[in-house]
Amino acid sequence: MLSLKRYGWLCALGGELAYFVCLGGGYLPLRSSRGMELHRTLFETFPGFVWSSFGGVLLGAVYVFALAWIFAWYFVWMHNTGLIGKEKQASPK
């Protein structure tokens, strides 16, 4: 069985790392202008996110943290429920 606490913190850590790597990629002009526009538009789907604003970046990190925990809760619930169902079917009575 998966532990929600452990899996949740791992998801949150991975989500935050990906968020800040992608955020850094938004500031580096390594793509075409169309690619940069799409990248910045995707980040602006977070409510309240504003580029080059400390509050906006922090708010985005909070959203990623919350979404990572929601994902972890759902994944652990699905995984553990599936295991319990299989254990009940396999146990002889």
C-alpha atoms as a PDB file:
ATOM      1  CA  MET A   1       0.000   0.000   0.000  1.00  0.00           C
ATOM      2  CA  LEU A   2       1.157   3.512  -0.781  1.00  0.00           C
ATOM      3  CA  SER A   3       1.540   6.065   1.980  1.00  0.00           C
ATOM      4  CA  LEU A   4      -0.276   9.310   1.199  1.00  0.00           C
ATOM      5  CA  LYS A   5       2.150  11.366   3.261  1.00  0.00           C
ATOM      6  CA  ARG A   6       5.259  10.063   1.491  1.00  0.00           C
ATOM      7  CA  TYR A   7       3.754  10.036  -2.002  1.00  0.00           C
ATOM      8  CA  GLY A   8       2.195  13.475  -1.492  1.00  0.00           C
ATOM      9  CA  TRP A   9       5.489  15.074  -0.512  1.00  0.00           C
ATOM     10  CA  LEU A  10       7.273  13.403  -3.432  1.00  0.00           C
ATOM     11  CA  CYS A  11       4.623  14.688  -5.861  1.00  0.00           C
ATOM     12  CA  ALA A  12       4.845  18.170  -4.356  1.00  0.00           C
ATOM     13  CA  LEU A  13       8.634  18.187  -4.625  1.00  0.00           C
ATOM     14  CA  GLY A  14       8.555  16.984  -8.229  1.00  0.00           C
ATOM     15  CA  GLY A  15       5.847  19.471  -9.134  1.00  0.00           C
ATOM     16  CA  GLU A  16       7.720  22.390  -7.618  1.00  0.00           C
ATOM     17  CA  LEU A  17      10.966  21.410  -9.351  1.00  0.00           C
ATOM     18  CA  ALA A  18       9.192  21.151 -12.697  1.00  0.00           C
ATOM     19  CA  TYR A  19       7.424  24.476 -12.062  1.00  0.00           C
ATOM     20  CA  PHE A  20      10.643  26.365 -11.402  1.00  0.00           C
ATOM     21  CA  VAL A  21      12.503  24.722 -14.311  1.00  0.00           C
ATOM     22  CA  CYS A  22       9.642  25.654 -16.647  1.00  0.00           C
ATOM     23  CA  LEU A  23       9.473  29.119 -15.134  1.00  0.00           C
ATOM     24  CA  GLY A  24      13.181  29.561 -15.803  1.00  0.00           C
ATOM     25  CA  GLY A  25      12.609  28.393 -19.365  1.00  0.00           C
ATOM     26  CA  GLY A  26      10.053  31.158 -19.773  1.00  0.00           C
ATOM     27  CA  TYR A  27      12.687  33.783 -19.060  1.00  0.00           C
ATOM     28  CA  LEU A  28      15.334  32.331 -21.393  1.00  0.00           C
ATOM     29  CA  PRO A  29      14.807  33.145 -25.079  1.00  0.00           C
ATOM     30  CA  LEU A  30      15.784  29.724 -26.428  1.00  0.00           C
ATOM     31  CA  ARG A  31      12.698  29.219 -28.616  1.00  0.00           C
ATOM     32  CA  SER A  32      10.890  31.061 -31.357  1.00  0.00           C
ATOM     33  CA  SER A  33       8.703  33.994 -30.434  1.00  0.00           C
ATOM     34  CA  ARG A  34       5.601  31.858 -31.089  1.00  0.00           C
ATOM     35  CA  GLY A  35       6.915  29.164 -28.699  1.00  0.00           C
ATOM     36  CA  MET A  36       7.658  31.765 -26.027  1.00  0.00           C
ATOM     37  CA  GLU A  37       4.163  33.223 -26.426  1.00  0.00           C
ATOM     38  CA  LEU A  38       2.598  29.779 -25.954  1.00  0.00           C
ATOM     39  CA  HIS A  39       4.828  29.047 -22.944  1.00  0.00           C
ATOM     40  CA  ARG A  40       3.872  32.298 -21.239  1.00  0.00           C
ATOM     41  CA  THR A  41       0.187  31.833 -22.060  1.00  0.00           C
ATOM     42  CA  LEU A  42       0.186  28.400 -20.405  1.00  0.00           C
ATOM     43  CA  PHE A  43       1.613  29.847 -17.199  1.00  0.00           C
ATOM     44  CA  GLU A  44      -0.975  32.599 -17.207  1.00  0.00           C
ATOM     45  CA  THR A  45      -3.742  29.992 -16.870  1.00  0.00           C
ATOM     46  CA  PHE A  46      -2.973  30.007 -13.137  1.00  0.00           C
ATOM     47  CA  PRO A  47      -5.382  32.558 -11.643  1.00  0.00           C
ATOM     48  CA  GLY A  48      -3.444  35.560 -10.375  1.00  0.00           C
ATOM     49  CA  PHE A  49      -0.143  34.584 -12.040  1.00  0.00           C
ATOM     50  CA  VAL A  50       1.799  37.573 -13.365  1.00  0.00           C
ATOM     51  CA  TRP A  51       5.207  37.344 -15.024  1.00  0.00           C
ATOM     52  CA  SER A  52       8.080  39.116 -13.225  1.00  0.00           C
ATOM     53  CA  SER A  53       6.004  39.494 -10.075  1.00  0.00           C
ATOM     54  CA  PHE A  54       7.188  37.836  -6.872  1.00  0.00           C
ATOM     55  CA  GLY A  55       3.613  37.473  -5.653  1.00  0.00           C
ATOM     56  CA  GLY A  56       2.528  35.913  -8.955  1.00  0.00           C
ATOM     57  CA  VAL A  57       5.381  33.404  -8.972  1.00  0.00           C
ATOM     58  CA  LEU A  58       4.701  32.516  -5.332  1.00  0.00           C
ATOM     59  CA  LEU A  59       0.992  32.111  -6.040  1.00  0.00           C
ATOM     60  CA  GLY A  60       1.822  29.789  -8.954  1.00  0.00           C
ATOM     61  CA  ALA A  61       4.000  27.706  -6.636  1.00  0.00           C
ATOM     62  CA  VAL A  62       1.112  27.452  -4.167  1.00  0.00           C
ATOM     63  CA  TYR A  63      -1.205  26.266  -6.962  1.00  0.00           C
ATOM     64  CA  VAL A  64       1.304  23.631  -8.073  1.00  0.00           C
ATOM     65  CA  PHE A  65       1.713  22.444  -4.475  1.00  0.00           C
ATOM     66  CA  ALA A  66      -2.051  22.122  -3.988  1.00  0.00           C
ATOM     67  CA  LEU A  67      -2.573  20.373  -7.328  1.00  0.00           C
ATOM     68  CA  ALA A  68       0.273  17.940  -6.570  1.00  0.00           C
ATOM     69  CA  TRP A  69      -1.399  16.961  -3.281  1.00  0.00           C
ATOM     70  CA  ILE A  70      -4.763  16.520  -4.999  1.00  0.00           C
ATOM     71  CA  PHE A  71      -3.111  14.282  -7.596  1.00  0.00           C
ATOM     72  CA  ALA A  72      -1.295  12.327  -4.865  1.00  0.00           C
ATOM     73  CA  TRP A  73      -4.499  11.791  -2.891  1.00  0.00           C
ATOM     74  CA  TYR A  74      -6.329  10.526  -5.974  1.00  0.00           C
ATOM     75  CA  PHE A  75      -3.462   8.288  -7.121  1.00  0.00           C
ATOM     76  CA  VAL A  76      -2.918   6.744  -3.674  1.00  0.00           C
ATOM     77  CA  TRP A  77      -6.659   6.187  -3.260  1.00  0.00           C
ATOM     78  CA  MET A  78      -6.917   4.488  -6.669  1.00  0.00           C
ATOM     79  CA  HIS A  79      -3.787   2.387  -6.079  1.00  0.00           C
ATOM     80  CA  ASN A  80      -4.709   1.268  -2.577  1.00  0.00           C
ATOM     81  CA  THR A  81      -8.346   0.598  -3.486  1.00  0.00           C
ATOM     82  CA  GLY A  82      -7.229  -1.555  -6.411  1.00  0.00           C
ATOM     83  CA  LEU A  83      -4.895  -3.537  -4.170  1.00  0.00           C
ATOM     84  CA  ILE A  84      -7.557  -4.135  -1.554  1.00  0.00           C
ATOM     85  CA  GLY A  85      -9.970  -5.329  -4.240  1.00  0.00           C
ATOM     86  CA  LYS A  86      -7.374  -7.767  -5.619  1.00  0.00           C
ATOM     87  CA  GLU A  87      -6.487  -9.033  -2.122  1.00  0.00           C
ATOM     88  CA  LYS A  88     -10.150  -9.808  -1.391  1.00  0.00           C
ATOM     89  CA  GLN A  89     -10.486 -11.725  -4.670  1.00  0.00           C
ATOM     90  CA  ALA A  90      -7.288 -13.731  -4.083  1.00  0.00           C
ATOM     91  CA  SER A  91      -7.948 -14.727  -0.473  1.00  0.00           C
ATOM     92  CA  PRO A  92      -9.613 -18.167  -0.206  1.00  0.00           C
ATOM     93  CA  LYS A  93     -12.606 -18.503   2.095  1.00  0.00           C
END
